[in-house]
C-alpha atoms as a PDB file:
ATOM      1  CA  MET A   1     -59.302  21.430 -14.551  1.00  0.00           C
ATOM      2  CA  ASP A   2     -57.249  18.593 -16.094  1.00  0.00           C
ATOM      3  CA  PHE A   3     -54.726  19.289 -18.285  1.00  0.00           C
ATOM      4  CA  SER A   4     -54.178  16.411 -20.192  1.00  0.00           C
ATOM      5  CA  ASP A   5     -57.587  16.008 -21.181  1.00  0.00           C
ATOM      6  CA  PHE A   6     -57.416  17.430 -24.816  1.00  0.00           C
ATOM      7  CA  ALA A   7     -61.510  18.085 -24.625  1.00  0.00           C
ATOM      8  CA  GLN A   8     -61.231  20.886 -21.989  1.00  0.00           C
ATOM      9  CA  LEU A   9     -58.498  23.216 -23.717  1.00  0.00           C
ATOM     10  CA  PRO A  10     -59.081  26.218 -25.194  1.00  0.00           C
ATOM     11  CA  ALA A  11     -59.793  25.849 -29.396  1.00  0.00           C
ATOM     12  CA  ASN A  12     -56.391  27.553 -30.216  1.00  0.00           C
ATOM     13  CA  LEU A  13     -54.505  25.071 -27.829  1.00  0.00           C
ATOM     14  CA  GLN A  14     -55.841  22.472 -29.234  1.00  0.00           C
ATOM     15  CA  ALA A  15     -54.571  23.383 -32.460  1.00  0.00           C
ATOM     16  CA  VAL A  16     -50.895  23.183 -31.679  1.00  0.00           C
ATOM     17  CA  VAL A  17     -50.879  21.370 -28.889  1.00  0.00           C
ATOM     18  CA  THR A  18     -47.865  17.999 -29.834  1.00  0.00           C
ATOM     19  CA  TYR A  19     -47.023  15.335 -27.766  1.00  0.00           C
ATOM     20  CA  GLN A  20     -43.465  13.519 -26.272  1.00  0.00           C
ATOM     21  CA  GLU A  21     -43.205  10.477 -25.959  1.00  0.00           C
ATOM     22  CA  LEU A  22     -39.768   9.602 -23.205  1.00  0.00           C
ATOM     23  CA  SER A  23     -38.383   6.825 -21.972  1.00  0.00           C
ATOM     24  CA  PRO A  24     -37.509   6.233 -18.105  1.00  0.00           C
ATOM     25  CA  GLN A  25     -34.966   8.626 -17.028  1.00  0.00           C
ATOM     26  CA  GLN A  26     -34.782  10.899 -20.657  1.00  0.00           C
ATOM     27  CA  PRO A  27     -34.647  14.497 -20.475  1.00  0.00           C
ATOM     28  CA  LEU A  28     -37.097  16.665 -21.523  1.00  0.00           C
ATOM     29  CA  PHE A  29     -35.317  19.795 -21.181  1.00  0.00           C
ATOM     30  CA  HIS A  30     -31.642  20.925 -19.549  1.00  0.00           C
ATOM     31  CA  GLN A  31     -31.585  24.037 -17.102  1.00  0.00           C
ATOM     32  CA  GLN A  32     -30.378  26.871 -18.907  1.00  0.00           C
ATOM     33  CA  GLU A  33     -31.555  25.632 -22.496  1.00  0.00           C
ATOM     34  CA  PRO A  34     -33.232  28.197 -24.739  1.00  0.00           C
ATOM     35  CA  SER A  35     -37.109  27.859 -23.642  1.00  0.00           C
ATOM     36  CA  ASN A  36     -39.863  27.203 -26.098  1.00  0.00           C
ATOM     37  CA  ALA A  37     -42.856  25.724 -25.061  1.00  0.00           C
ATOM     38  CA  ILE A  38     -44.546  25.177 -21.712  1.00  0.00           C
ATOM     39  CA  PHE A  39     -45.748  21.085 -20.575  1.00  0.00           C
ATOM     40  CA  ALA A  40     -48.314  19.461 -19.559  1.00  0.00           C
ATOM     41  CA  VAL A  41     -48.216  15.946 -18.705  1.00  0.00           C
ATOM     42  CA  LYS A  42     -50.821  12.993 -20.383  1.00  0.00           C
ATOM     43  CA  THR A  43     -49.929   9.616 -18.332  1.00  0.00           C
ATOM     44  CA  GLY A  44     -46.981   8.998 -16.080  1.00  0.00           C
ATOM     45  CA  ARG A  45     -44.167  11.287 -14.377  1.00  0.00           C
ATOM     46  CA  ILE A  46     -41.613  14.043 -14.610  1.00  0.00           C
ATOM     47  CA  ARG A  47     -39.118  14.860 -12.466  1.00  0.00           C
ATOM     48  CA  LEU A  48     -37.696  18.467 -12.109  1.00  0.00           C
ATOM     49  CA  LEU A  49     -34.205  19.055 -10.469  1.00  0.00           C
ATOM     50  CA  HIS A  50     -31.198  21.261 -10.602  1.00  0.00           C
ATOM     51  CA  TYR A  51     -27.778  20.965 -10.905  1.00  0.00           C
ATOM     52  CA  THR A  52     -24.891  23.025  -9.019  1.00  0.00           C
ATOM     53  CA  GLU A  53     -21.690  24.270 -10.174  1.00  0.00           C
ATOM     54  CA  SER A  54     -20.094  22.114  -8.493  1.00  0.00           C
ATOM     55  CA  GLY A  55     -22.428  18.892  -9.511  1.00  0.00           C
ATOM     56  CA  GLN A  56     -24.155  18.333  -6.911  1.00  0.00           C
ATOM     57  CA  VAL A  57     -27.950  17.097  -7.880  1.00  0.00           C
ATOM     58  CA  ILE A  58     -30.719  19.194  -6.384  1.00  0.00           C
ATOM     59  CA  GLU A  59     -34.541  18.003  -6.555  1.00  0.00           C
ATOM     60  CA  HIS A  60     -37.028  20.467  -6.849  1.00  0.00           C
ATOM     61  CA  TYR A  61     -40.644  18.011  -6.960  1.00  0.00           C
ATOM     62  CA  LEU A  62     -42.344  15.595  -8.809  1.00  0.00           C
ATOM     63  CA  VAL A  63     -44.917  16.964 -12.196  1.00  0.00           C
ATOM     64  CA  ASN A  64     -47.888  14.323 -12.390  1.00  0.00           C
ATOM     65  CA  ALA A  65     -50.397  13.322 -15.184  1.00  0.00           C
ATOM     66  CA  GLY A  66     -52.621  16.191 -15.751  1.00  0.00           C
ATOM     67  CA  GLU A  67     -50.035  19.156 -14.206  1.00  0.00           C
ATOM     68  CA  VAL A  68     -48.513  21.245 -15.891  1.00  0.00           C
ATOM     69  CA  PHE A  69     -45.069  22.426 -16.006  1.00  0.00           C
ATOM     70  CA  ALA A  70     -41.663  25.235 -16.762  1.00  0.00           C
ATOM     71  CA  GLU A  71     -44.829  27.692 -16.132  1.00  0.00           C
ATOM     72  CA  VAL A  72     -41.587  30.158 -15.593  1.00  0.00           C
ATOM     73  CA  VAL A  73     -40.931  30.072 -18.807  1.00  0.00           C
ATOM     74  CA  LEU A  74     -43.573  32.358 -19.472  1.00  0.00           C
ATOM     75  CA  PHE A  75     -41.523  35.579 -17.947  1.00  0.00           C
ATOM     76  CA  THR A  76     -37.969  34.086 -18.857  1.00  0.00           C
ATOM     77  CA  ASN A  77     -35.626  32.781 -22.359  1.00  0.00           C
ATOM     78  CA  VAL A  78     -34.140  30.086 -20.926  1.00  0.00           C
ATOM     79  CA  TYR A  79     -35.405  26.777 -18.692  1.00  0.00           C
ATOM     80  CA  VAL A  80     -34.195  27.215 -15.212  1.00  0.00           C
ATOM     81  CA  CYS A  81     -34.669  23.493 -13.939  1.00  0.00           C
ATOM     82  CA  SER A  82     -33.574  20.222 -15.888  1.00  0.00           C
ATOM     83  CA  ALA A  83     -37.015  18.220 -16.864  1.00  0.00           C
ATOM     84  CA  ILE A  84     -36.118  13.821 -16.629  1.00  0.00           C
ATOM     85  CA  ALA A  85     -38.884  10.962 -16.696  1.00  0.00           C
ATOM     86  CA  ASP A  86     -39.411   9.347 -14.010  1.00  0.00           C
ATOM     87  CA  GLU A  87     -40.934   6.493 -15.397  1.00  0.00           C
ATOM     88  CA  PRO A  88     -42.439   6.143 -19.432  1.00  0.00           C
ATOM     89  CA  THR A  89     -43.715   9.217 -20.236  1.00  0.00           C
ATOM     90  CA  CYS A  90     -45.888  10.924 -22.843  1.00  0.00           C
ATOM     91  CA  VAL A  91     -45.865  15.287 -22.267  1.00  0.00           C
ATOM     92  CA  MET A  92     -48.360  18.084 -23.720  1.00  0.00           C
ATOM     93  CA  VAL A  93     -46.016  20.177 -26.094  1.00  0.00           C
ATOM     94  CA  PHE A  94     -47.768  23.921 -25.872  1.00  0.00           C
ATOM     95  CA  PRO A  95     -45.678  26.859 -28.229  1.00  0.00           C
ATOM     96  CA  LYS A  96     -45.161  29.306 -24.620  1.00  0.00           C
ATOM     97  CA  GLN A  97     -46.861  32.311 -26.637  1.00  0.00           C
ATOM     98  CA  GLU A  98     -50.032  30.345 -27.992  1.00  0.00           C
ATOM     99  CA  PHE A  99     -50.281  29.716 -24.067  1.00  0.00           C
ATOM    100  CA  TRP A 100     -49.727  32.516 -22.713  1.00  0.00           C
ATOM    101  CA  SER A 101     -52.335  33.916 -25.026  1.00  0.00           C
ATOM    102  CA  ALA A 102     -54.751  30.901 -24.617  1.00  0.00           C
ATOM    103  CA  LEU A 103     -54.352  32.407 -20.654  1.00  0.00           C
ATOM    104  CA  GLN A 104     -55.313  36.236 -21.798  1.00  0.00           C
ATOM    105  CA  GLN A 105     -58.351  35.440 -23.401  1.00  0.00           C
ATOM    106  CA  SER A 106     -59.917  32.223 -20.965  1.00  0.00           C
ATOM    107  CA  PHE A 107     -61.070  32.370 -17.378  1.00  0.00           C
ATOM    108  CA  SER A 108     -61.375  28.789 -17.109  1.00  0.00           C
ATOM    109  CA  LEU A 109     -57.579  28.672 -18.174  1.00  0.00           C
ATOM    110  CA  SER A 110     -55.863  31.054 -16.130  1.00  0.00           C
ATOM    111  CA  ALA A 111     -58.485  30.406 -13.209  1.00  0.00           C
ATOM    112  CA  ALA A 112     -57.312  26.401 -13.156  1.00  0.00           C
ATOM    113  CA  PHE A 113     -53.218  27.941 -13.940  1.00  0.00           C
ATOM    114  CA  MET A 114     -52.969  29.794 -10.810  1.00  0.00           C
ATOM    115  CA  GLU A 115     -54.985  26.886  -8.581  1.00  0.00           C
ATOM    116  CA  GLN A 116     -52.975  24.708  -9.748  1.00  0.00           C
ATOM    117  CA  LEU A 117     -49.542  27.442  -9.086  1.00  0.00           C
ATOM    118  CA  ALA A 118     -51.247  28.655  -5.940  1.00  0.00           C
ATOM    119  CA  THR A 119     -51.164  24.172  -4.844  1.00  0.00           C
ATOM    120  CA  ARG A 120     -48.148  23.669  -5.927  1.00  0.00           C
ATOM    121  CA  LEU A 121     -46.390  26.583  -3.544  1.00  0.00           C
ATOM    122  CA  HIS A 122     -48.674  25.656  -0.581  1.00  0.00           C
ATOM    123  CA  MET A 123     -47.143  22.471  -1.183  1.00  0.00           C
ATOM    124  CA  THR A 124     -43.808  22.910  -0.811  1.00  0.00           C
ATOM    125  CA  LYS A 125     -44.328  25.580   2.129  1.00  0.00           C
ATOM    126  CA  VAL A 126     -45.970  22.468   3.706  1.00  0.00           C
ATOM    127  CA  MET A 127     -43.086  20.225   3.170  1.00  0.00           C
ATOM    128  CA  LEU A 128     -40.563  22.844   3.889  1.00  0.00           C
ATOM    129  CA  GLU A 129     -42.072  23.118   7.259  1.00  0.00           C
ATOM    130  CA  LEU A 130     -42.228  19.347   7.997  1.00  0.00           C
ATOM    131  CA  ARG A 131     -38.334  19.426   6.562  1.00  0.00           C
ATOM    132  CA  GLY A 132     -37.764  21.639   9.728  1.00  0.00           C
ATOM    133  CA  ILE A 133     -38.870  18.519  12.242  1.00  0.00           C
ATOM    134  CA  ARG A 134     -35.611  16.909  12.918  1.00  0.00           C
ATOM    135  CA  SER A 135     -37.056  13.193  14.696  1.00  0.00           C
ATOM    136  CA  ALA A 136     -37.501  10.975  11.535  1.00  0.00           C
ATOM    137  CA  ARG A 137     -41.289   9.206  13.128  1.00  0.00           C
ATOM    138  CA  GLU A 138     -43.099  12.935  13.696  1.00  0.00           C
ATOM    139  CA  ARG A 139     -41.411  14.178  10.160  1.00  0.00           C
ATOM    140  CA  VAL A 140     -43.699  10.594   8.689  1.00  0.00           C
ATOM    141  CA  LEU A 141     -46.526  11.101  11.302  1.00  0.00           C
ATOM    142  CA  HIS A 142     -47.361  14.795   9.837  1.00  0.00           C
ATOM    143  CA  TYR A 143     -47.045  14.130   6.448  1.00  0.00           C
ATOM    144  CA  LEU A 144     -49.815  11.221   7.176  1.00  0.00           C
ATOM    145  CA  ARG A 145     -51.702  13.625   9.293  1.00  0.00           C
ATOM    146  CA  PHE A 146     -51.510  16.682   5.822  1.00  0.00           C
ATOM    147  CA  ALA A 147     -52.163  13.476   3.593  1.00  0.00           C
ATOM    148  CA  ALA A 148     -54.892  11.827   5.341  1.00  0.00           C
ATOM    149  CA  HIS A 149     -58.804  11.714   4.651  1.00  0.00           C
ATOM    150  CA  PRO A 150     -60.170  14.349   6.463  1.00  0.00           C
ATOM    151  CA  VAL A 151     -62.740  11.560   8.266  1.00  0.00           C
ATOM    152  CA  GLU A 152     -61.659   7.986   7.130  1.00  0.00           C
ATOM    153  CA  ARG A 153     -58.391   9.149   8.471  1.00  0.00           C
ATOM    154  CA  THR A 154     -56.076   6.948   6.219  1.00  0.00           C
ATOM    155  CA  VAL A 155     -53.484   7.634   3.251  1.00  0.00           C
ATOM    156  CA  LEU A 156     -52.904   5.888   0.325  1.00  0.00           C
ATOM    157  CA  LEU A 157     -49.579   6.020  -0.787  1.00  0.00           C
ATOM    158  CA  GLU A 158     -49.889   5.957  -5.059  1.00  0.00           C
ATOM    159  CA  GLN A 159     -45.831   7.622  -5.437  1.00  0.00           C
ATOM    160  CA  PRO A 160     -43.154   5.359  -4.484  1.00  0.00           C
ATOM    161  CA  LEU A 161     -41.518   5.404  -0.942  1.00  0.00           C
ATOM    162  CA  LYS A 162     -38.490   6.574  -2.688  1.00  0.00           C
ATOM    163  CA  ASN A 163     -40.244   9.747  -3.700  1.00  0.00           C
ATOM    164  CA  ILE A 164     -42.214  10.276  -0.646  1.00  0.00           C
ATOM    165  CA  ALA A 165     -39.091   9.812   1.083  1.00  0.00           C
ATOM    166  CA  GLN A 166     -37.016  12.502  -1.376  1.00  0.00           C
ATOM    167  CA  ASN A 167     -39.768  14.351  -0.318  1.00  0.00           C
ATOM    168  CA  LEU A 168     -39.428  14.419   2.768  1.00  0.00           C
ATOM    169  CA  GLY A 169     -35.813  15.350   2.953  1.00  0.00           C
ATOM    170  CA  ILE A 170     -34.631  11.099   4.689  1.00  0.00           C
ATOM    171  CA  SER A 171     -33.311   8.308   3.126  1.00  0.00           C
ATOM    172  CA  PRO A 172     -36.200   5.321   1.481  1.00  0.00           C
ATOM    173  CA  GLU A 173     -34.757   3.403   4.334  1.00  0.00           C
ATOM    174  CA  VAL A 174     -35.064   5.740   7.620  1.00  0.00           C
ATOM    175  CA  LEU A 175     -38.721   5.548   5.785  1.00  0.00           C
ATOM    176  CA  SER A 176     -39.598   2.333   6.282  1.00  0.00           C
ATOM    177  CA  ARG A 177     -37.848   2.294   9.925  1.00  0.00           C
ATOM    178  CA  ALA A 178     -40.326   5.249  10.883  1.00  0.00           C
ATOM    179  CA  LEU A 179     -43.536   3.381   9.275  1.00  0.00           C
ATOM    180  CA  THR A 180     -42.216   0.138  10.979  1.00  0.00           C
ATOM    181  CA  GLN A 181     -41.649   2.314  14.396  1.00  0.00           C
ATOM    182  CA  LEU A 182     -45.533   4.054  14.225  1.00  0.00           C
ATOM    183  CA  GLU A 183     -46.821   0.795  13.049  1.00  0.00           C
ATOM    184  CA  ALA A 184     -45.445  -0.795  16.674  1.00  0.00           C
ATOM    185  CA  ASP A 185     -46.361   3.015  19.159  1.00  0.00           C
ATOM    186  CA  GLY A 186     -49.705   1.937  17.656  1.00  0.00           C
ATOM    187  CA  ALA A 187     -50.793   5.032  15.884  1.00  0.00           C
ATOM    188  CA  ILE A 188     -50.848   3.757  12.606  1.00  0.00           C
ATOM    189  CA  ALA A 189     -51.794   0.571  10.909  1.00  0.00           C
ATOM    190  CA  ARG A 190     -51.186  -0.948   7.972  1.00  0.00           C
ATOM    191  CA  ASN A 191     -52.608  -2.668   4.611  1.00  0.00           C
ATOM    192  CA  LYS A 192     -50.215  -3.630   1.862  1.00  0.00           C
ATOM    193  CA  ARG A 193     -49.913   1.107   0.865  1.00  0.00           C
ATOM    194  CA  ARG A 194     -53.593   1.978   2.708  1.00  0.00           C
ATOM    195  CA  ILE A 195     -52.408   3.579   6.290  1.00  0.00           C
ATOM    196  CA  GLN A 196     -55.100   4.234   8.649  1.00  0.00           C
ATOM    197  CA  LEU A 197     -54.171   7.137  10.944  1.00  0.00           C
ATOM    198  CA  ILE A 198     -55.237   5.381  14.359  1.00  0.00           C
ATOM    199  CA  ASN A 199     -56.375   7.959  16.838  1.00  0.00           C
ATOM    200  CA  GLN A 200     -54.693   8.392  20.469  1.00  0.00           C
END
């Protein structure tokens, strides 16, 4: 299910959904604010992050169009992180009690919700594994192997390189150097944002 598709939503959610437009870097909510809604990205992208007591910013992950976020508010009274628009973004706003009721009443909604959470958990585990690889070259190569189409062995870099680098726990400059090194080694071939993995 695409949570940003109004027509796919149960009738009770269609009746209560509202929309909020955000400019780049505009916050949607801050951590520890009282929680009253769960959200889906209609267009654009949301960055979830956490501020430590010392002022350090810890990036969580990016939420893309069609994905829900802030789902933990179904079980808490405050937002546990902050949400910032990464680009011009439109979010769908669902009152959390109505969303919870819809999950209980609609099997297709609850199944899609669980699938998205399971996918997000798996991706988090993969990124943690990748960050455990010390060599930037090998870290990037393993990422490309994971993201590649299983038959064509190609990767289309749809996100900005800075976002991919951030997910991998390296700087954009290190990512760029690693891609250049992999290409020079004959491990990949690049055509703009499309990368072909070469069998070795």
